[in-house]
C-alpha cells in the first residue's frame, strides 16, 4: 500500500534519505552522521513540512514500511543537486534493501508523480548517479536527461513532464 507520509514518520524519511544517499560508496564510508552533517545532503529533509513538501510511504501488509518518496521545492539561492527551477519539485526516493527489485520504487514514484500532477506541477526533477541501477527505473517512468549536467559528471539531472 502507498499512502501519504504522516508527520511522525519524518525519522523514517531520514532513514530512506540515508538509503538514497548511501548508494555512493564514498558517502557510505563517511557514515550517516557525517553525511547528514553536510548541508548539500541535509537540504533534502531538513525542516521537513514546509510548504510544498510532499511524501509517500510504501507499507507492507504486515505494517512494515518498505520505502518512501518525496519532493520539495528549492530556492534558486540554495538549490538541490537536481535543481531545474524554483517551481519544479525535486524528487528523492529510498527503499529498504530487502524490498528493492520488487516494484516498491515504481509504486512510490507512480503515486508521487500522480500527486505532483494533481497539485499542478508540470515537471519533476531528480539527480542520480549515472551508475545507479535506479536510472533504468526513472527512464521507465518517463524521466529523461535534462541536458544541464556535464556529460563527464558522475551524476545526471533528469526531468519528467507530467
C-alpha atoms as a PDB file:
ATOM      1  CA  UNK A   1       0.000   0.000   0.000  1.00  0.00           C
ATOM      2  CA  UNK A   2       1.202   3.509  -0.811  1.00  0.00           C
ATOM      3  CA  UNK A   3      -0.065   6.343   1.376  1.00  0.00           C
ATOM      4  CA  UNK A   4       0.830   9.884   2.320  1.00  0.00           C
ATOM      5  CA  UNK A   5       3.556  10.119   4.935  1.00  0.00           C
ATOM      6  CA  UNK A   6       2.407  11.133   8.385  1.00  0.00           C
ATOM      7  CA  UNK A   7       4.160  13.862  10.418  1.00  0.00           C
ATOM      8  CA  UNK A   8       5.563  11.331  12.901  1.00  0.00           C
ATOM      9  CA  UNK A   9       7.274   9.469  10.027  1.00  0.00           C
ATOM     10  CA  UNK A  10       9.915  12.144   9.446  1.00  0.00           C
ATOM     11  CA  UNK A  11      12.564   9.887  11.089  1.00  0.00           C
ATOM     12  CA  UNK A  12      11.665   7.186   8.539  1.00  0.00           C
ATOM     13  CA  UNK A  13      12.109   9.735   5.740  1.00  0.00           C
ATOM     14  CA  UNK A  14      15.613  10.390   7.109  1.00  0.00           C
ATOM     15  CA  UNK A  15      16.236   6.619   7.104  1.00  0.00           C
ATOM     16  CA  UNK A  16      15.192   6.480   3.455  1.00  0.00           C
ATOM     17  CA  UNK A  17      17.275   9.579   2.763  1.00  0.00           C
ATOM     18  CA  UNK A  18      20.254   7.611   4.021  1.00  0.00           C
ATOM     19  CA  UNK A  19      19.341   4.688   1.743  1.00  0.00           C
ATOM     20  CA  UNK A  20      19.188   7.095  -1.201  1.00  0.00           C
ATOM     21  CA  UNK A  21      22.410   8.923  -0.295  1.00  0.00           C
ATOM     22  CA  UNK A  22      24.500   5.908   0.702  1.00  0.00           C
ATOM     23  CA  UNK A  23      24.279   4.369  -2.759  1.00  0.00           C
ATOM     24  CA  UNK A  24      27.588   6.153  -3.305  1.00  0.00           C
ATOM     25  CA  UNK A  25      30.460   4.194  -1.708  1.00  0.00           C
ATOM     26  CA  UNK A  26      32.220   7.377  -0.650  1.00  0.00           C
ATOM     27  CA  UNK A  27      29.178   8.668   1.215  1.00  0.00           C
ATOM     28  CA  UNK A  28      28.552   5.272   2.794  1.00  0.00           C
ATOM     29  CA  UNK A  29      32.168   5.251   4.042  1.00  0.00           C
ATOM     30  CA  UNK A  30      31.628   8.652   5.670  1.00  0.00           C
ATOM     31  CA  UNK A  31      28.742   7.260   7.698  1.00  0.00           C
ATOM     32  CA  UNK A  32      25.244   8.551   8.238  1.00  0.00           C
ATOM     33  CA  UNK A  33      26.025  11.213  10.830  1.00  0.00           C
ATOM     34  CA  UNK A  34      28.855  12.786   8.813  1.00  0.00           C
ATOM     35  CA  UNK A  35      26.860  12.633   5.574  1.00  0.00           C
ATOM     36  CA  UNK A  36      23.821  14.330   7.087  1.00  0.00           C
ATOM     37  CA  UNK A  37      26.045  16.987   8.620  1.00  0.00           C
ATOM     38  CA  UNK A  38      26.806  18.211   5.092  1.00  0.00           C
ATOM     39  CA  UNK A  39      24.385  20.977   4.042  1.00  0.00           C
ATOM     40  CA  UNK A  40      24.060  19.694   0.466  1.00  0.00           C
ATOM     41  CA  UNK A  41      22.813  16.345   1.851  1.00  0.00           C
ATOM     42  CA  UNK A  42      20.681  17.715   4.735  1.00  0.00           C
ATOM     43  CA  UNK A  43      18.747  20.095   2.496  1.00  0.00           C
ATOM     44  CA  UNK A  44      16.541  17.307   1.178  1.00  0.00           C
ATOM     45  CA  UNK A  45      14.850  16.747   4.553  1.00  0.00           C
ATOM     46  CA  UNK A  46      15.977  19.485   6.926  1.00  0.00           C
ATOM     47  CA  UNK A  47      12.963  21.372   8.284  1.00  0.00           C
ATOM     48  CA  UNK A  48      10.568  18.888   6.690  1.00  0.00           C
ATOM     49  CA  UNK A  49       6.980  20.064   6.494  1.00  0.00           C
ATOM     50  CA  UNK A  50       7.478  23.416   4.826  1.00  0.00           C
ATOM     51  CA  UNK A  51       5.043  24.468   2.062  1.00  0.00           C
ATOM     52  CA  UNK A  52       5.441  22.260  -0.995  1.00  0.00           C
ATOM     53  CA  UNK A  53       6.921  19.260   0.866  1.00  0.00           C
ATOM     54  CA  UNK A  54       5.120  16.046  -0.116  1.00  0.00           C
ATOM     55  CA  UNK A  55       5.983  12.444   0.784  1.00  0.00           C
ATOM     56  CA  UNK A  56       4.502   8.999   0.293  1.00  0.00           C
ATOM     57  CA  UNK A  57       5.362   5.781   2.110  1.00  0.00           C
ATOM     58  CA  UNK A  58       5.131   2.162   0.943  1.00  0.00           C
ATOM     59  CA  UNK A  59       3.762  -0.151   3.632  1.00  0.00           C
ATOM     60  CA  UNK A  60       3.677  -3.962   3.536  1.00  0.00           C
ATOM     61  CA  UNK A  61       0.589  -5.951   4.558  1.00  0.00           C
ATOM     62  CA  UNK A  62       2.189  -6.601   7.946  1.00  0.00           C
ATOM     63  CA  UNK A  63       2.688  -2.858   8.550  1.00  0.00           C
ATOM     64  CA  UNK A  64       6.433  -2.696   7.815  1.00  0.00           C
ATOM     65  CA  UNK A  65       7.462   0.430   5.942  1.00  0.00           C
ATOM     66  CA  UNK A  66       9.317  -0.504   2.777  1.00  0.00           C
ATOM     67  CA  UNK A  67      10.294   2.841   1.358  1.00  0.00           C
ATOM     68  CA  UNK A  68       9.432   6.460   0.815  1.00  0.00           C
ATOM     69  CA  UNK A  69       9.496   9.001  -1.972  1.00  0.00           C
ATOM     70  CA  UNK A  70       9.234  12.730  -1.511  1.00  0.00           C
ATOM     71  CA  UNK A  71       9.728  16.029  -3.213  1.00  0.00           C
ATOM     72  CA  UNK A  72      10.338  19.586  -2.228  1.00  0.00           C
ATOM     73  CA  UNK A  73      10.873  22.926  -3.889  1.00  0.00           C
ATOM     74  CA  UNK A  74      14.208  24.703  -3.599  1.00  0.00           C
ATOM     75  CA  UNK A  75      15.040  28.391  -3.920  1.00  0.00           C
ATOM     76  CA  UNK A  76      17.494  29.407  -6.626  1.00  0.00           C
ATOM     77  CA  UNK A  77      19.925  30.650  -3.951  1.00  0.00           C
ATOM     78  CA  UNK A  78      20.029  27.212  -2.273  1.00  0.00           C
ATOM     79  CA  UNK A  79      19.350  24.635  -4.994  1.00  0.00           C
ATOM     80  CA  UNK A  80      19.390  20.854  -4.730  1.00  0.00           C
ATOM     81  CA  UNK A  81      21.581  18.678  -6.953  1.00  0.00           C
ATOM     82  CA  UNK A  82      18.741  18.181  -9.427  1.00  0.00           C
ATOM     83  CA  UNK A  83      17.552  21.794  -9.374  1.00  0.00           C
ATOM     84  CA  UNK A  84      15.865  22.948 -12.558  1.00  0.00           C
ATOM     85  CA  UNK A  85      13.680  25.880 -11.450  1.00  0.00           C
ATOM     86  CA  UNK A  86      12.041  27.228  -8.306  1.00  0.00           C
ATOM     87  CA  UNK A  87       8.642  25.870  -9.383  1.00  0.00           C
ATOM     88  CA  UNK A  88       9.920  22.362 -10.228  1.00  0.00           C
ATOM     89  CA  UNK A  89       9.945  19.999  -7.248  1.00  0.00           C
ATOM     90  CA  UNK A  90      12.982  17.771  -6.838  1.00  0.00           C
ATOM     91  CA  UNK A  91      12.287  14.138  -6.057  1.00  0.00           C
ATOM     92  CA  UNK A  92      14.113  11.789  -3.685  1.00  0.00           C
ATOM     93  CA  UNK A  93      13.403   8.122  -3.054  1.00  0.00           C
ATOM     94  CA  UNK A  94      14.678   5.402  -0.761  1.00  0.00           C
ATOM     95  CA  UNK A  95      13.691   1.747  -0.490  1.00  0.00           C
ATOM     96  CA  UNK A  96      14.827  -0.654   2.229  1.00  0.00           C
ATOM     97  CA  UNK A  97      17.412  -3.096   0.901  1.00  0.00           C
ATOM     98  CA  UNK A  98      15.244  -6.207   1.257  1.00  0.00           C
ATOM     99  CA  UNK A  99      12.400  -4.639  -0.764  1.00  0.00           C
ATOM    100  CA  UNK A 100      14.455  -3.489  -3.759  1.00  0.00           C
ATOM    101  CA  UNK A 101      13.688  -5.025  -7.121  1.00  0.00           C
ATOM    102  CA  UNK A 102      10.113  -5.902  -6.109  1.00  0.00           C
ATOM    103  CA  UNK A 103       8.222  -2.941  -7.597  1.00  0.00           C
ATOM    104  CA  UNK A 104       8.216  -0.783  -4.470  1.00  0.00           C
ATOM    105  CA  UNK A 105      10.158   2.038  -6.130  1.00  0.00           C
ATOM    106  CA  UNK A 106       7.858   2.022  -9.165  1.00  0.00           C
ATOM    107  CA  UNK A 107       4.774   2.172  -6.972  1.00  0.00           C
ATOM    108  CA  UNK A 108       6.228   5.020  -4.904  1.00  0.00           C
ATOM    109  CA  UNK A 109       7.198   7.002  -7.990  1.00  0.00           C
ATOM    110  CA  UNK A 110       3.842   6.452  -9.639  1.00  0.00           C
ATOM    111  CA  UNK A 111       1.993   7.680  -6.544  1.00  0.00           C
ATOM    112  CA  UNK A 112       4.250  10.698  -6.051  1.00  0.00           C
ATOM    113  CA  UNK A 113       4.106  11.761  -9.692  1.00  0.00           C
ATOM    114  CA  UNK A 114       0.304  11.484  -9.594  1.00  0.00           C
ATOM    115  CA  UNK A 115       0.264  13.750  -6.527  1.00  0.00           C
ATOM    116  CA  UNK A 116       2.584  16.224  -8.256  1.00  0.00           C
ATOM    117  CA  UNK A 117       0.300  16.334 -11.300  1.00  0.00           C
ATOM    118  CA  UNK A 118      -2.768  16.730  -9.078  1.00  0.00           C
ATOM    119  CA  UNK A 119      -1.056  19.635  -7.295  1.00  0.00           C
ATOM    120  CA  UNK A 120      -0.482  21.410 -10.603  1.00  0.00           C
ATOM    121  CA  UNK A 121       3.187  20.661 -11.169  1.00  0.00           C
ATOM    122  CA  UNK A 122       4.074  20.196 -14.817  1.00  0.00           C
ATOM    123  CA  UNK A 123       7.606  18.878 -14.291  1.00  0.00           C
ATOM    124  CA  UNK A 124       9.535  16.995 -11.586  1.00  0.00           C
ATOM    125  CA  UNK A 125      13.318  16.689 -11.435  1.00  0.00           C
ATOM    126  CA  UNK A 126      15.876  14.492  -9.715  1.00  0.00           C
ATOM    127  CA  UNK A 127      19.597  13.918  -9.597  1.00  0.00           C
ATOM    128  CA  UNK A 128      21.066  10.435  -9.798  1.00  0.00           C
ATOM    129  CA  UNK A 129      24.483   8.870 -10.168  1.00  0.00           C
ATOM    130  CA  UNK A 130      24.783   7.632 -13.739  1.00  0.00           C
ATOM    131  CA  UNK A 131      25.879   4.191 -12.448  1.00  0.00           C
ATOM    132  CA  UNK A 132      22.904   3.823 -10.104  1.00  0.00           C
ATOM    133  CA  UNK A 133      20.619   0.960 -11.230  1.00  0.00           C
ATOM    134  CA  UNK A 134      17.659   3.232 -10.383  1.00  0.00           C
ATOM    135  CA  UNK A 135      18.383   5.156 -13.619  1.00  0.00           C
ATOM    136  CA  UNK A 136      16.542   2.421 -15.511  1.00  0.00           C
ATOM    137  CA  UNK A 137      13.518   2.809 -13.233  1.00  0.00           C
ATOM    138  CA  UNK A 138      13.482   6.572 -13.756  1.00  0.00           C
ATOM    139  CA  UNK A 139      13.688   6.130 -17.514  1.00  0.00           C
ATOM    140  CA  UNK A 140      10.793   3.622 -17.442  1.00  0.00           C
ATOM    141  CA  UNK A 141       8.781   6.217 -15.507  1.00  0.00           C
ATOM    142  CA  UNK A 142       9.427   8.805 -18.244  1.00  0.00           C
ATOM    143  CA  UNK A 143      12.398  10.721 -16.812  1.00  0.00           C
ATOM    144  CA  UNK A 144      14.934  11.991 -19.337  1.00  0.00           C
ATOM    145  CA  UNK A 145      18.298  13.727 -19.086  1.00  0.00           C
ATOM    146  CA  UNK A 146      17.541  17.434 -18.610  1.00  0.00           C
ATOM    147  CA  UNK A 147      20.662  18.302 -20.597  1.00  0.00           C
ATOM    148  CA  UNK A 148      22.082  20.572 -17.888  1.00  0.00           C
ATOM    149  CA  UNK A 149      24.682  18.274 -16.318  1.00  0.00           C
ATOM    150  CA  UNK A 150      28.169  17.995 -17.753  1.00  0.00           C
ATOM    151  CA  UNK A 151      28.296  14.594 -19.508  1.00  0.00           C
ATOM    152  CA  UNK A 152      31.533  13.827 -17.668  1.00  0.00           C
ATOM    153  CA  UNK A 153      29.893  14.344 -14.237  1.00  0.00           C
ATOM    154  CA  UNK A 154      29.100  11.203 -12.272  1.00  0.00           C
ATOM    155  CA  UNK A 155      25.518  12.373 -11.752  1.00  0.00           C
ATOM    156  CA  UNK A 156      22.818  13.484 -14.127  1.00  0.00           C
ATOM    157  CA  UNK A 157      19.796  15.733 -13.632  1.00  0.00           C
ATOM    158  CA  UNK A 158      16.669  14.132 -15.022  1.00  0.00           C
ATOM    159  CA  UNK A 159      13.176  15.531 -15.551  1.00  0.00           C
ATOM    160  CA  UNK A 160       9.769  14.129 -16.289  1.00  0.00           C
ATOM    161  CA  UNK A 161       6.964  16.155 -17.857  1.00  0.00           C
ATOM    162  CA  UNK A 162       3.626  15.332 -16.259  1.00  0.00           C
END
